[in-house]
Amino acid sequence: MAKGIYTRIYTDIHQRISITRHALLQAQERNIGDADHIEDLIRTARVVRFGKNHAKFISHNGVTCIAEITTTDIIVITVERGNTP
């Protein structure tokens, strides 16, 4: 496993959720939450696909996670707070 990646496996999603160190630091800086909060957001948020392998996970309170999606992993790249479209 790469250094700086936080990983948990959820059987209900059938994909491993990995959160980069960069995304965790951004979440802390922006007072969004910790890794558990980000994982809950991934499981419950609205998904908007863009590009070939990327998606935005948009929560009802305006927190957005940008992630790369592969066949086995969801890799959270960045976390931001903004307006919901």
N, C-alpha and C. Protein backbone atom coordinates (compact mmCIF):
# COMPACT_ATOMS: atom_id res chain seq x y z
N MET A 1 0.85 -1.17 0.00
CA MET A 1 0.00 0.00 0.00
C MET A 1 0.89 1.24 0.00
N ALA A 2 0.50 2.24 -0.75
CA ALA A 2 1.28 3.46 -0.86
C ALA A 2 1.27 4.23 0.45
N LYS A 3 2.37 4.89 0.73
CA LYS A 3 2.46 5.70 1.94
C LYS A 3 1.56 6.93 1.79
N GLY A 4 0.86 7.29 2.86
CA GLY A 4 -0.02 8.45 2.81
C GLY A 4 -1.43 8.13 2.37
N ILE A 5 -1.78 6.85 2.29
CA ILE A 5 -3.12 6.46 1.89
C ILE A 5 -3.80 5.78 3.08
N TYR A 6 -5.00 6.22 3.42
CA TYR A 6 -5.80 5.63 4.49
C TYR A 6 -6.84 4.75 3.82
N THR A 7 -6.92 3.49 4.22
CA THR A 7 -7.79 2.56 3.52
C THR A 7 -8.68 1.80 4.48
N ARG A 8 -9.93 1.61 4.08
CA ARG A 8 -10.86 0.71 4.75
C ARG A 8 -11.64 -0.03 3.69
N ILE A 9 -12.09 -1.22 4.01
CA ILE A 9 -12.85 -2.01 3.05
C ILE A 9 -14.29 -2.12 3.56
N TYR A 10 -15.24 -1.80 2.68
CA TYR A 10 -16.65 -1.93 3.00
C TYR A 10 -17.26 -2.97 2.08
N THR A 11 -17.91 -3.96 2.66
CA THR A 11 -18.51 -5.01 1.85
C THR A 11 -19.79 -4.56 1.18
N ASP A 12 -20.45 -3.52 1.72
CA ASP A 12 -21.69 -3.07 1.09
C ASP A 12 -21.43 -2.27 -0.18
N ILE A 13 -20.25 -1.70 -0.33
CA ILE A 13 -19.91 -0.95 -1.53
C ILE A 13 -19.22 -1.86 -2.55
N HIS A 14 -18.54 -2.87 -2.10
CA HIS A 14 -17.78 -3.80 -2.93
C HIS A 14 -16.58 -3.12 -3.57
N GLN A 15 -16.14 -2.02 -3.03
CA GLN A 15 -14.93 -1.36 -3.45
C GLN A 15 -14.22 -0.84 -2.20
N ARG A 16 -12.92 -0.85 -2.25
CA ARG A 16 -12.12 -0.34 -1.13
C ARG A 16 -12.10 1.18 -1.22
N ILE A 17 -12.31 1.86 -0.09
CA ILE A 17 -12.25 3.32 -0.03
C ILE A 17 -10.88 3.71 0.49
N SER A 18 -10.14 4.46 -0.31
CA SER A 18 -8.84 4.96 0.09
C SER A 18 -8.89 6.47 0.11
N ILE A 19 -8.32 7.06 1.15
CA ILE A 19 -8.31 8.52 1.28
C ILE A 19 -6.85 8.96 1.31
N THR A 20 -6.48 9.82 0.39
CA THR A 20 -5.10 10.28 0.35
C THR A 20 -4.81 11.18 1.54
N ARG A 21 -3.56 11.28 1.87
CA ARG A 21 -3.12 12.15 2.97
C ARG A 21 -3.52 13.59 2.67
N HIS A 22 -3.38 13.97 1.42
CA HIS A 22 -3.76 15.32 0.98
C HIS A 22 -5.23 15.60 1.30
N ALA A 23 -6.11 14.65 1.01
CA ALA A 23 -7.54 14.84 1.27
C ALA A 23 -7.82 14.95 2.77
N LEU A 24 -7.13 14.14 3.58
CA LEU A 24 -7.31 14.23 5.03
C LEU A 24 -6.86 15.57 5.57
N LEU A 25 -5.73 16.07 5.08
CA LEU A 25 -5.23 17.38 5.52
C LEU A 25 -6.19 18.49 5.11
N GLN A 26 -6.73 18.41 3.90
CA GLN A 26 -7.70 19.42 3.45
C GLN A 26 -8.95 19.39 4.31
N ALA A 27 -9.42 18.20 4.66
CA ALA A 27 -10.61 18.09 5.50
C ALA A 27 -10.37 18.73 6.86
N GLN A 28 -9.19 18.53 7.42
CA GLN A 28 -8.86 19.12 8.71
C GLN A 28 -8.77 20.64 8.61
N GLU A 29 -8.10 21.13 7.57
CA GLU A 29 -7.95 22.58 7.38
C GLU A 29 -9.30 23.27 7.23
N ARG A 30 -10.22 22.61 6.55
CA ARG A 30 -11.52 23.22 6.24
C ARG A 30 -12.61 22.85 7.23
N ASN A 31 -12.21 22.22 8.34
CA ASN A 31 -13.14 21.82 9.40
C ASN A 31 -14.29 20.98 8.88
N ILE A 32 -13.97 20.06 8.00
CA ILE A 32 -14.98 19.18 7.42
C ILE A 32 -15.15 17.92 8.24
N GLY A 33 -14.09 17.38 8.77
CA GLY A 33 -14.20 16.17 9.57
C GLY A 33 -12.98 15.28 9.41
N ASP A 34 -13.12 14.06 9.92
CA ASP A 34 -12.01 13.12 9.86
C ASP A 34 -12.31 12.05 8.80
N ALA A 35 -11.52 10.99 8.81
CA ALA A 35 -11.66 9.93 7.81
C ALA A 35 -13.02 9.24 7.89
N ASP A 36 -13.53 9.05 9.10
CA ASP A 36 -14.84 8.42 9.24
C ASP A 36 -15.95 9.26 8.60
N HIS A 37 -15.85 10.57 8.77
CA HIS A 37 -16.84 11.47 8.17
C HIS A 37 -16.77 11.40 6.65
N ILE A 38 -15.57 11.36 6.10
CA ILE A 38 -15.40 11.28 4.65
C ILE A 38 -15.96 9.96 4.13
N GLU A 39 -15.72 8.87 4.84
CA GLU A 39 -16.23 7.57 4.42
C GLU A 39 -17.76 7.53 4.46
N ASP A 40 -18.36 8.14 5.48
CA ASP A 40 -19.82 8.23 5.54
C ASP A 40 -20.36 9.03 4.37
N LEU A 41 -19.67 10.10 4.03
CA LEU A 41 -20.07 10.93 2.90
C LEU A 41 -20.04 10.11 1.62
N ILE A 42 -19.01 9.31 1.40
CA ILE A 42 -18.90 8.49 0.19
C ILE A 42 -20.08 7.51 0.11
N ARG A 43 -20.47 6.95 1.24
CA ARG A 43 -21.55 5.96 1.23
C ARG A 43 -22.93 6.59 1.05
N THR A 44 -23.12 7.84 1.46
CA THR A 44 -24.46 8.42 1.46
C THR A 44 -24.68 9.56 0.47
N ALA A 45 -23.63 10.06 -0.14
CA ALA A 45 -23.75 11.26 -0.99
C ALA A 45 -24.26 10.92 -2.39
N ARG A 46 -24.69 11.97 -3.06
CA ARG A 46 -25.09 11.87 -4.46
C ARG A 46 -23.83 11.79 -5.31
N VAL A 47 -23.82 10.94 -6.31
CA VAL A 47 -22.64 10.72 -7.14
C VAL A 47 -22.86 11.35 -8.51
N VAL A 48 -21.89 12.18 -8.92
CA VAL A 48 -21.90 12.77 -10.25
C VAL A 48 -20.62 12.33 -10.94
N ARG A 49 -20.75 11.51 -11.96
CA ARG A 49 -19.58 11.01 -12.68
C ARG A 49 -19.08 12.08 -13.64
N PHE A 50 -17.76 12.20 -13.78
CA PHE A 50 -17.19 13.06 -14.80
C PHE A 50 -15.89 12.44 -15.28
N GLY A 51 -15.62 12.60 -16.54
CA GLY A 51 -14.44 11.95 -17.11
C GLY A 51 -14.64 10.45 -17.15
N LYS A 52 -13.56 9.77 -17.44
CA LYS A 52 -13.65 8.31 -17.57
C LYS A 52 -13.64 7.61 -16.22
N ASN A 53 -12.82 8.08 -15.29
CA ASN A 53 -12.61 7.37 -14.03
C ASN A 53 -12.82 8.23 -12.79
N HIS A 54 -13.51 9.34 -12.88
CA HIS A 54 -13.65 10.23 -11.74
C HIS A 54 -15.11 10.48 -11.39
N ALA A 55 -15.31 10.86 -10.14
CA ALA A 55 -16.66 11.17 -9.68
C ALA A 55 -16.60 12.20 -8.57
N LYS A 56 -17.68 12.96 -8.44
CA LYS A 56 -17.87 13.87 -7.31
C LYS A 56 -18.92 13.24 -6.41
N PHE A 57 -18.62 13.18 -5.13
CA PHE A 57 -19.58 12.73 -4.14
C PHE A 57 -20.04 13.98 -3.41
N ILE A 58 -21.30 14.38 -3.61
CA ILE A 58 -21.81 15.64 -3.09
C ILE A 58 -22.81 15.36 -1.98
N SER A 59 -22.51 15.87 -0.79
CA SER A 59 -23.41 15.65 0.35
C SER A 59 -24.47 16.75 0.39
N HIS A 60 -25.49 16.55 1.20
CA HIS A 60 -26.58 17.52 1.32
C HIS A 60 -26.13 18.81 1.99
N ASN A 61 -25.02 18.79 2.75
CA ASN A 61 -24.57 20.01 3.43
C ASN A 61 -23.46 20.73 2.67
N GLY A 62 -23.22 20.37 1.41
CA GLY A 62 -22.31 21.11 0.57
C GLY A 62 -20.87 20.64 0.57
N VAL A 63 -20.57 19.53 1.21
CA VAL A 63 -19.21 18.98 1.18
C VAL A 63 -19.09 18.09 -0.04
N THR A 64 -18.01 18.28 -0.80
CA THR A 64 -17.78 17.52 -2.02
C THR A 64 -16.46 16.79 -1.94
N CYS A 65 -16.48 15.51 -2.28
CA CYS A 65 -15.26 14.71 -2.40
C CYS A 65 -15.06 14.40 -3.87
N ILE A 66 -13.85 14.63 -4.35
CA ILE A 66 -13.48 14.26 -5.71
C ILE A 66 -12.69 12.96 -5.59
N ALA A 67 -13.07 11.96 -6.37
CA ALA A 67 -12.43 10.66 -6.25
C ALA A 67 -12.19 10.04 -7.62
N GLU A 68 -11.17 9.20 -7.64
CA GLU A 68 -10.91 8.37 -8.81
C GLU A 68 -11.52 7.01 -8.52
N ILE A 69 -12.21 6.46 -9.50
CA ILE A 69 -12.88 5.17 -9.30
C ILE A 69 -12.26 4.14 -10.22
N THR A 70 -11.82 3.05 -9.63
CA THR A 70 -11.31 1.90 -10.40
C THR A 70 -12.25 0.73 -10.12
N THR A 71 -11.95 -0.41 -10.68
CA THR A 71 -12.82 -1.57 -10.47
C THR A 71 -12.78 -2.05 -9.02
N THR A 72 -11.69 -1.81 -8.31
CA THR A 72 -11.57 -2.30 -6.94
C THR A 72 -11.48 -1.20 -5.90
N ASP A 73 -11.24 0.04 -6.29
CA ASP A 73 -10.99 1.12 -5.33
C ASP A 73 -11.78 2.38 -5.65
N ILE A 74 -12.10 3.11 -4.59
CA ILE A 74 -12.53 4.51 -4.68
C ILE A 74 -11.45 5.29 -3.95
N ILE A 75 -10.69 6.11 -4.67
CA ILE A 75 -9.57 6.84 -4.09
C ILE A 75 -9.96 8.31 -3.99
N VAL A 76 -10.16 8.78 -2.77
CA VAL A 76 -10.55 10.17 -2.54
C VAL A 76 -9.31 11.04 -2.72
N ILE A 77 -9.38 11.97 -3.66
CA ILE A 77 -8.24 12.81 -4.00
C ILE A 77 -8.30 14.14 -3.27
N THR A 78 -9.47 14.75 -3.20
CA THR A 78 -9.59 16.04 -2.57
C THR A 78 -10.96 16.19 -1.91
N VAL A 79 -11.04 17.07 -0.94
CA VAL A 79 -12.28 17.35 -0.22
C VAL A 79 -12.44 18.86 -0.18
N GLU A 80 -13.65 19.32 -0.49
CA GLU A 80 -13.89 20.76 -0.49
C GLU A 80 -15.29 21.06 0.00
N ARG A 81 -15.47 22.27 0.43
CA ARG A 81 -16.79 22.73 0.85
C ARG A 81 -17.22 23.80 -0.15
N GLY A 82 -18.42 23.67 -0.64
CA GLY A 82 -18.89 24.63 -1.63
C GLY A 82 -20.38 24.53 -1.78
N ASN A 83 -20.89 25.19 -2.81
CA ASN A 83 -22.33 25.18 -3.08
C ASN A 83 -22.72 23.87 -3.74
N THR A 84 -23.90 23.40 -3.42
CA THR A 84 -24.42 22.22 -4.10
C THR A 84 -25.14 22.66 -5.36
N PRO A 85 -24.86 21.99 -6.47
CA PRO A 85 -25.53 22.39 -7.72
C PRO A 85 -26.98 21.98 -7.76
